[in-house]
């Protein structure tokens, strides 16, 4: 066990991630082994830190002793293991470094993929006046938020380089175009709340777009 991480801390982190993984898998948020989850373990330090993350290529609808592993801020395993961390571990590491957050959840859903393409030209998903914006502790009357979208590259390092320029401090999430969303929070409870809010808002925005398109097309036919 790494010197600054206790067995109890490791077990607690794995247990929290396992519960979240089971919940999200039941919602269909991990199609074809996609997605990844992580939680910071040990002291909060944005220069050197440790986090637990899902293993690469696992069926997240199943629970096994090899679902998670510990990595450092350089995305390298800190214990001897045959497991590979998620291919996108470098993105998690960069978000931890820049935000100081405690947990990061990444899922692929139909709605976050569709919205990333519909709003790609403007560079962010715009949501206005919806009650659930308050889940991000934004309490403005008729609040409007912009959720940043960044391009998706096969080279994960190229994505990680874009994170710093894309983060909006009051918005705890970033969307990768035609890929999925990264949502984060101070702990697993807050990260889960933020992700659920994003997914609700994405579904709302897409269905609103369909409704508005239908009305516009109906008007043209009259």
C-alpha atoms as a PDB file:
ATOM      1  CA  UNK A   1       0.000   0.000   0.000  1.00  0.00           C
ATOM      2  CA  UNK A   2       1.393   3.485  -0.845  1.00  0.00           C
ATOM      3  CA  UNK A   3       2.714   5.252   2.232  1.00  0.00           C
ATOM      4  CA  UNK A   4       0.128   8.060   2.218  1.00  0.00           C
ATOM      5  CA  UNK A   5      -2.903   5.827   1.456  1.00  0.00           C
ATOM      6  CA  UNK A   6      -4.357   3.514   4.088  1.00  0.00           C
ATOM      7  CA  UNK A   7      -6.116   0.243   3.334  1.00  0.00           C
ATOM      8  CA  UNK A   8      -9.294   1.732   4.781  1.00  0.00           C
ATOM      9  CA  UNK A   9      -9.129   4.714   2.429  1.00  0.00           C
ATOM     10  CA  UNK A  10      -8.621   2.436  -0.558  1.00  0.00           C
ATOM     11  CA  UNK A  11     -11.499   0.166   0.415  1.00  0.00           C
ATOM     12  CA  UNK A  12     -13.805   3.126   1.036  1.00  0.00           C
ATOM     13  CA  UNK A  13     -13.003   4.625  -2.370  1.00  0.00           C
ATOM     14  CA  UNK A  14     -13.572   1.319  -4.174  1.00  0.00           C
ATOM     15  CA  UNK A  15     -16.850   0.809  -2.309  1.00  0.00           C
ATOM     16  CA  UNK A  16     -18.144   4.265  -3.239  1.00  0.00           C
ATOM     17  CA  UNK A  17     -17.234   3.798  -6.884  1.00  0.00           C
ATOM     18  CA  UNK A  18     -18.824   0.354  -6.939  1.00  0.00           C
ATOM     19  CA  UNK A  19     -22.159   1.757  -5.751  1.00  0.00           C
ATOM     20  CA  UNK A  20     -22.080   4.530  -8.353  1.00  0.00           C
ATOM     21  CA  UNK A  21     -21.074   2.081 -11.083  1.00  0.00           C
ATOM     22  CA  UNK A  22     -23.997  -0.223 -10.261  1.00  0.00           C
ATOM     23  CA  UNK A  23     -26.422   2.724 -10.272  1.00  0.00           C
ATOM     24  CA  UNK A  24     -25.235   4.155 -13.601  1.00  0.00           C
ATOM     25  CA  UNK A  25     -25.029   0.734 -15.268  1.00  0.00           C
ATOM     26  CA  UNK A  26     -28.690   0.165 -14.396  1.00  0.00           C
ATOM     27  CA  UNK A  27     -29.513   3.407 -16.232  1.00  0.00           C
ATOM     28  CA  UNK A  28     -27.702   2.216 -19.369  1.00  0.00           C
ATOM     29  CA  UNK A  29     -25.003   4.876 -19.086  1.00  0.00           C
ATOM     30  CA  UNK A  30     -22.088   2.487 -19.813  1.00  0.00           C
ATOM     31  CA  UNK A  31     -22.853   0.955 -23.233  1.00  0.00           C
ATOM     32  CA  UNK A  32     -20.240  -1.470 -24.610  1.00  0.00           C
ATOM     33  CA  UNK A  33     -17.858  -1.042 -21.604  1.00  0.00           C
ATOM     34  CA  UNK A  34     -17.685   2.746 -22.222  1.00  0.00           C
ATOM     35  CA  UNK A  35     -17.374   5.398 -19.549  1.00  0.00           C
ATOM     36  CA  UNK A  36     -15.188   5.710 -16.465  1.00  0.00           C
ATOM     37  CA  UNK A  37     -15.417   6.777 -12.836  1.00  0.00           C
ATOM     38  CA  UNK A  38     -12.825   8.051 -10.399  1.00  0.00           C
ATOM     39  CA  UNK A  39     -12.483   9.385  -6.870  1.00  0.00           C
ATOM     40  CA  UNK A  40      -9.581  11.128  -5.195  1.00  0.00           C
ATOM     41  CA  UNK A  41      -7.994   9.148  -2.354  1.00  0.00           C
ATOM     42  CA  UNK A  42      -5.966  10.660   0.479  1.00  0.00           C
ATOM     43  CA  UNK A  43      -4.921  14.261   0.991  1.00  0.00           C
ATOM     44  CA  UNK A  44      -6.100  17.060  -1.309  1.00  0.00           C
ATOM     45  CA  UNK A  45      -3.053  18.259  -3.212  1.00  0.00           C
ATOM     46  CA  UNK A  46      -3.195  19.454  -6.805  1.00  0.00           C
ATOM     47  CA  UNK A  47       0.464  18.790  -7.569  1.00  0.00           C
ATOM     48  CA  UNK A  48       0.829  15.201  -6.343  1.00  0.00           C
ATOM     49  CA  UNK A  49      -2.242  13.092  -5.679  1.00  0.00           C
ATOM     50  CA  UNK A  50      -3.779   9.648  -5.903  1.00  0.00           C
ATOM     51  CA  UNK A  51      -7.140   8.590  -7.256  1.00  0.00           C
ATOM     52  CA  UNK A  52      -9.057   5.366  -7.767  1.00  0.00           C
ATOM     53  CA  UNK A  53     -10.365   4.785 -11.287  1.00  0.00           C
ATOM     54  CA  UNK A  54     -12.228   2.114 -13.206  1.00  0.00           C
ATOM     55  CA  UNK A  55     -10.155  -0.543 -14.951  1.00  0.00           C
ATOM     56  CA  UNK A  56     -10.090  -0.499 -18.735  1.00  0.00           C
ATOM     57  CA  UNK A  57     -12.341  -2.752 -20.798  1.00  0.00           C
ATOM     58  CA  UNK A  58     -14.543  -4.083 -17.976  1.00  0.00           C
ATOM     59  CA  UNK A  59     -18.267  -4.790 -18.260  1.00  0.00           C
ATOM     60  CA  UNK A  60     -19.557  -2.197 -15.818  1.00  0.00           C
ATOM     61  CA  UNK A  61     -22.842  -4.029 -15.328  1.00  0.00           C
ATOM     62  CA  UNK A  62     -20.838  -6.675 -13.435  1.00  0.00           C
ATOM     63  CA  UNK A  63     -18.944  -6.375 -10.159  1.00  0.00           C
ATOM     64  CA  UNK A  64     -15.540  -8.030  -9.741  1.00  0.00           C
ATOM     65  CA  UNK A  65     -12.480  -7.591  -7.489  1.00  0.00           C
ATOM     66  CA  UNK A  66     -10.689  -6.072 -10.494  1.00  0.00           C
ATOM     67  CA  UNK A  67     -13.056  -3.184 -11.224  1.00  0.00           C
ATOM     68  CA  UNK A  68     -10.778  -0.411  -9.878  1.00  0.00           C
ATOM     69  CA  UNK A  69      -7.151   0.482  -9.300  1.00  0.00           C
ATOM     70  CA  UNK A  70      -5.134   3.313  -7.778  1.00  0.00           C
ATOM     71  CA  UNK A  71      -3.128   5.715  -9.950  1.00  0.00           C
ATOM     72  CA  UNK A  72      -1.074   8.836  -9.348  1.00  0.00           C
ATOM     73  CA  UNK A  73      -1.272  12.312 -10.884  1.00  0.00           C
ATOM     74  CA  UNK A  74       0.737  11.037 -13.865  1.00  0.00           C
ATOM     75  CA  UNK A  75      -1.982   8.415 -14.529  1.00  0.00           C
ATOM     76  CA  UNK A  76       0.339   5.548 -13.561  1.00  0.00           C
ATOM     77  CA  UNK A  77      -0.671   2.633 -11.278  1.00  0.00           C
ATOM     78  CA  UNK A  78       0.867   2.994  -7.832  1.00  0.00           C
ATOM     79  CA  UNK A  79       0.596  -0.691  -6.926  1.00  0.00           C
ATOM     80  CA  UNK A  80       1.795  -3.778  -8.747  1.00  0.00           C
ATOM     81  CA  UNK A  81      -1.100  -4.879 -10.943  1.00  0.00           C
ATOM     82  CA  UNK A  82      -1.974  -6.423 -14.283  1.00  0.00           C
ATOM     83  CA  UNK A  83      -4.928  -4.064 -14.587  1.00  0.00           C
ATOM     84  CA  UNK A  84      -4.885  -1.129 -16.960  1.00  0.00           C
ATOM     85  CA  UNK A  85      -6.460   2.172 -15.927  1.00  0.00           C
ATOM     86  CA  UNK A  86      -9.100   3.649 -18.192  1.00  0.00           C
ATOM     87  CA  UNK A  87      -7.680   4.959 -21.452  1.00  0.00           C
ATOM     88  CA  UNK A  88      -8.953   8.409 -20.453  1.00  0.00           C
ATOM     89  CA  UNK A  89      -7.182   8.554 -17.086  1.00  0.00           C
ATOM     90  CA  UNK A  90      -5.077  11.536 -18.228  1.00  0.00           C
ATOM     91  CA  UNK A  91      -8.265  13.584 -18.621  1.00  0.00           C
ATOM     92  CA  UNK A  92      -9.281  12.762 -15.052  1.00  0.00           C
ATOM     93  CA  UNK A  93      -5.838  13.701 -13.789  1.00  0.00           C
ATOM     94  CA  UNK A  94      -5.977  17.063 -15.528  1.00  0.00           C
ATOM     95  CA  UNK A  95      -9.442  17.850 -14.145  1.00  0.00           C
ATOM     96  CA  UNK A  96      -8.285  16.970 -10.618  1.00  0.00           C
ATOM     97  CA  UNK A  97      -5.220  19.190 -11.005  1.00  0.00           C
ATOM     98  CA  UNK A  98      -7.180  22.163 -12.315  1.00  0.00           C
ATOM     99  CA  UNK A  99     -10.319  22.032 -10.168  1.00  0.00           C
ATOM    100  CA  UNK A 100      -9.313  20.381  -6.897  1.00  0.00           C
ATOM    101  CA  UNK A 101     -12.458  18.262  -7.120  1.00  0.00           C
ATOM    102  CA  UNK A 102     -12.943  14.960  -5.305  1.00  0.00           C
ATOM    103  CA  UNK A 103     -14.731  12.777  -7.873  1.00  0.00           C
ATOM    104  CA  UNK A 104     -15.197  12.645 -11.660  1.00  0.00           C
ATOM    105  CA  UNK A 105     -17.794  10.664 -13.600  1.00  0.00           C
ATOM    106  CA  UNK A 106     -17.768  10.143 -17.369  1.00  0.00           C
ATOM    107  CA  UNK A 107     -20.673   8.540 -19.236  1.00  0.00           C
ATOM    108  CA  UNK A 108     -21.771   8.102 -22.842  1.00  0.00           C
ATOM    109  CA  UNK A 109     -25.472   8.700 -23.452  1.00  0.00           C
ATOM    110  CA  UNK A 110     -27.603   9.362 -26.504  1.00  0.00           C
ATOM    111  CA  UNK A 111     -28.569  12.848 -25.312  1.00  0.00           C
ATOM    112  CA  UNK A 112     -25.098  14.113 -24.431  1.00  0.00           C
ATOM    113  CA  UNK A 113     -23.853  12.866 -27.818  1.00  0.00           C
ATOM    114  CA  UNK A 114     -26.721  14.476 -29.754  1.00  0.00           C
ATOM    115  CA  UNK A 115     -26.378  17.814 -27.953  1.00  0.00           C
ATOM    116  CA  UNK A 116     -22.624  17.880 -28.524  1.00  0.00           C
ATOM    117  CA  UNK A 117     -23.273  17.779 -32.262  1.00  0.00           C
ATOM    118  CA  UNK A 118     -26.269  20.126 -32.339  1.00  0.00           C
ATOM    119  CA  UNK A 119     -24.353  22.827 -30.444  1.00  0.00           C
ATOM    120  CA  UNK A 120     -20.895  22.098 -31.846  1.00  0.00           C
ATOM    121  CA  UNK A 121     -20.688  25.195 -34.027  1.00  0.00           C
ATOM    122  CA  UNK A 122     -21.204  27.507 -31.048  1.00  0.00           C
ATOM    123  CA  UNK A 123     -18.768  25.566 -28.848  1.00  0.00           C
ATOM    124  CA  UNK A 124     -21.079  25.015 -25.887  1.00  0.00           C
ATOM    125  CA  UNK A 125     -24.512  23.690 -24.983  1.00  0.00           C
ATOM    126  CA  UNK A 126     -26.795  26.562 -23.962  1.00  0.00           C
ATOM    127  CA  UNK A 127     -29.464  25.915 -21.321  1.00  0.00           C
ATOM    128  CA  UNK A 128     -31.734  28.718 -20.172  1.00  0.00           C
ATOM    129  CA  UNK A 129     -34.191  29.121 -17.335  1.00  0.00           C
ATOM    130  CA  UNK A 130     -34.547  25.459 -16.338  1.00  0.00           C
ATOM    131  CA  UNK A 131     -35.029  24.779 -12.630  1.00  0.00           C
ATOM    132  CA  UNK A 132     -32.407  22.042 -12.433  1.00  0.00           C
ATOM    133  CA  UNK A 133     -29.633  24.547 -13.155  1.00  0.00           C
ATOM    134  CA  UNK A 134     -29.827  25.090  -9.386  1.00  0.00           C
ATOM    135  CA  UNK A 135     -28.149  21.678  -8.963  1.00  0.00           C
ATOM    136  CA  UNK A 136     -24.911  23.519  -9.801  1.00  0.00           C
ATOM    137  CA  UNK A 137     -25.537  26.077  -7.022  1.00  0.00           C
ATOM    138  CA  UNK A 138     -26.499  28.679  -9.613  1.00  0.00           C
ATOM    139  CA  UNK A 139     -29.463  30.541  -8.181  1.00  0.00           C
ATOM    140  CA  UNK A 140     -29.893  33.406 -10.655  1.00  0.00           C
ATOM    141  CA  UNK A 141     -33.431  34.130 -11.796  1.00  0.00           C
ATOM    142  CA  UNK A 142     -33.886  32.542 -15.256  1.00  0.00           C
ATOM    143  CA  UNK A 143     -30.247  31.460 -15.207  1.00  0.00           C
ATOM    144  CA  UNK A 144     -28.462  30.733 -18.470  1.00  0.00           C
ATOM    145  CA  UNK A 145     -25.468  28.404 -18.591  1.00  0.00           C
ATOM    146  CA  UNK A 146     -22.979  27.354 -21.252  1.00  0.00           C
ATOM    147  CA  UNK A 147     -21.602  23.809 -20.992  1.00  0.00           C
ATOM    148  CA  UNK A 148     -18.333  23.692 -22.968  1.00  0.00           C
ATOM    149  CA  UNK A 149     -17.825  21.234 -25.833  1.00  0.00           C
ATOM    150  CA  UNK A 150     -14.340  20.201 -26.919  1.00  0.00           C
ATOM    151  CA  UNK A 151     -13.264  18.016 -29.853  1.00  0.00           C
ATOM    152  CA  UNK A 152     -12.709  14.318 -29.411  1.00  0.00           C
ATOM    153  CA  UNK A 153      -9.344  12.948 -30.536  1.00  0.00           C
ATOM    154  CA  UNK A 154      -7.987   9.402 -30.630  1.00  0.00           C
ATOM    155  CA  UNK A 155      -4.902  10.802 -28.885  1.00  0.00           C
ATOM    156  CA  UNK A 156      -6.054  11.307 -25.282  1.00  0.00           C
ATOM    157  CA  UNK A 157      -3.115  13.604 -24.550  1.00  0.00           C
ATOM    158  CA  UNK A 158      -4.461  16.056 -27.145  1.00  0.00           C
ATOM    159  CA  UNK A 159      -7.810  16.138 -25.314  1.00  0.00           C
ATOM    160  CA  UNK A 160      -6.105  16.622 -21.942  1.00  0.00           C
ATOM    161  CA  UNK A 161      -4.267  19.659 -23.329  1.00  0.00           C
ATOM    162  CA  UNK A 162      -7.601  21.353 -24.059  1.00  0.00           C
ATOM    163  CA  UNK A 163      -9.114  20.911 -20.587  1.00  0.00           C
ATOM    164  CA  UNK A 164      -7.536  23.973 -18.958  1.00  0.00           C
ATOM    165  CA  UNK A 165      -8.777  26.344 -21.649  1.00  0.00           C
ATOM    166  CA  UNK A 166     -12.267  24.839 -21.639  1.00  0.00           C
ATOM    167  CA  UNK A 167     -13.167  24.752 -17.949  1.00  0.00           C
ATOM    168  CA  UNK A 168     -15.727  27.323 -16.788  1.00  0.00           C
ATOM    169  CA  UNK A 169     -15.385  27.620 -12.991  1.00  0.00           C
ATOM    170  CA  UNK A 170     -19.099  27.559 -12.156  1.00  0.00           C
ATOM    171  CA  UNK A 171     -19.900  24.722 -14.608  1.00  0.00           C
ATOM    172  CA  UNK A 172     -18.722  21.332 -13.247  1.00  0.00           C
ATOM    173  CA  UNK A 173     -18.650  19.556 -16.583  1.00  0.00           C
ATOM    174  CA  UNK A 174     -17.202  19.344 -20.090  1.00  0.00           C
ATOM    175  CA  UNK A 175     -18.654  17.553 -23.103  1.00  0.00           C
ATOM    176  CA  UNK A 176     -16.542  15.744 -25.688  1.00  0.00           C
ATOM    177  CA  UNK A 177     -18.044  15.983 -29.153  1.00  0.00           C
ATOM    178  CA  UNK A 178     -19.968  12.821 -30.126  1.00  0.00           C
ATOM    179  CA  UNK A 179     -18.403  11.065 -27.140  1.00  0.00           C
ATOM    180  CA  UNK A 180     -19.749  11.889 -23.667  1.00  0.00           C
ATOM    181  CA  UNK A 181     -19.611  14.149 -20.630  1.00  0.00           C
ATOM    182  CA  UNK A 182     -17.180  14.530 -17.742  1.00  0.00           C
ATOM    183  CA  UNK A 183     -18.925  15.809 -14.618  1.00  0.00           C
ATOM    184  CA  UNK A 184     -17.217  16.405 -11.288  1.00  0.00           C
ATOM    185  CA  UNK A 185     -17.845  17.493  -7.721  1.00  0.00           C
ATOM    186  CA  UNK A 186     -16.342  17.765  -4.271  1.00  0.00           C
ATOM    187  CA  UNK A 187     -17.248  14.118  -3.572  1.00  0.00           C
ATOM    188  CA  UNK A 188     -19.215  11.265  -5.123  1.00  0.00           C
ATOM    189  CA  UNK A 189     -22.538  12.664  -3.899  1.00  0.00           C
ATOM    190  CA  UNK A 190     -21.980  16.049  -5.538  1.00  0.00           C
ATOM    191  CA  UNK A 191     -20.497  14.604  -8.746  1.00  0.00           C
ATOM    192  CA  UNK A 192     -23.515  12.296  -9.071  1.00  0.00           C
ATOM    193  CA  UNK A 193     -25.906  15.207  -8.527  1.00  0.00           C
ATOM    194  CA  UNK A 194     -24.136  17.257 -11.176  1.00  0.00           C
ATOM    195  CA  UNK A 195     -24.120  14.410 -13.701  1.00  0.00           C
ATOM    196  CA  UNK A 196     -27.820  13.691 -13.166  1.00  0.00           C
ATOM    197  CA  UNK A 197     -28.592  17.374 -13.643  1.00  0.00           C
ATOM    198  CA  UNK A 198     -26.566  17.543 -16.864  1.00  0.00           C
ATOM    199  CA  UNK A 199     -28.297  14.493 -18.285  1.00  0.00           C
ATOM    200  CA  UNK A 200     -31.752  15.868 -17.410  1.00  0.00           C
ATOM    201  CA  UNK A 201     -30.878  19.193 -19.036  1.00  0.00           C
ATOM    202  CA  UNK A 202     -29.513  17.496 -22.151  1.00  0.00           C
ATOM    203  CA  UNK A 203     -32.684  15.469 -22.597  1.00  0.00           C
ATOM    204  CA  UNK A 204     -34.772  18.605 -22.033  1.00  0.00           C
ATOM    205  CA  UNK A 205     -32.728  20.618 -24.555  1.00  0.00           C
ATOM    206  CA  UNK A 206     -32.930  17.948 -27.225  1.00  0.00           C
ATOM    207  CA  UNK A 207     -36.680  17.434 -26.859  1.00  0.00           C
ATOM    208  CA  UNK A 208     -37.195  21.201 -26.876  1.00  0.00           C
ATOM    209  CA  UNK A 209     -35.178  21.377 -30.106  1.00  0.00           C
ATOM    210  CA  UNK A 210     -37.383  18.673 -31.671  1.00  0.00           C
ATOM    211  CA  UNK A 211     -40.553  20.456 -30.566  1.00  0.00           C
ATOM    212  CA  UNK A 212     -39.403  23.810 -31.917  1.00  0.00           C
ATOM    213  CA  UNK A 213     -38.320  22.215 -35.188  1.00  0.00           C
ATOM    214  CA  UNK A 214     -41.707  20.526 -35.529  1.00  0.00           C
ATOM    215  CA  UNK A 215     -43.563  23.808 -34.957  1.00  0.00           C
ATOM    216  CA  UNK A 216     -41.375  25.656 -37.466  1.00  0.00           C
ATOM    217  CA  UNK A 217     -41.903  22.976 -40.103  1.00  0.00           C
ATOM    218  CA  UNK A 218     -45.651  22.866 -39.388  1.00  0.00           C
ATOM    219  CA  UNK A 219     -45.853  26.622 -39.919  1.00  0.00           C
ATOM    220  CA  UNK A 220     -44.137  26.376 -43.293  1.00  0.00           C
ATOM    221  CA  UNK A 221     -46.633  23.783 -44.481  1.00  0.00           C
ATOM    222  CA  UNK A 222     -49.687  25.927 -43.730  1.00  0.00           C
END
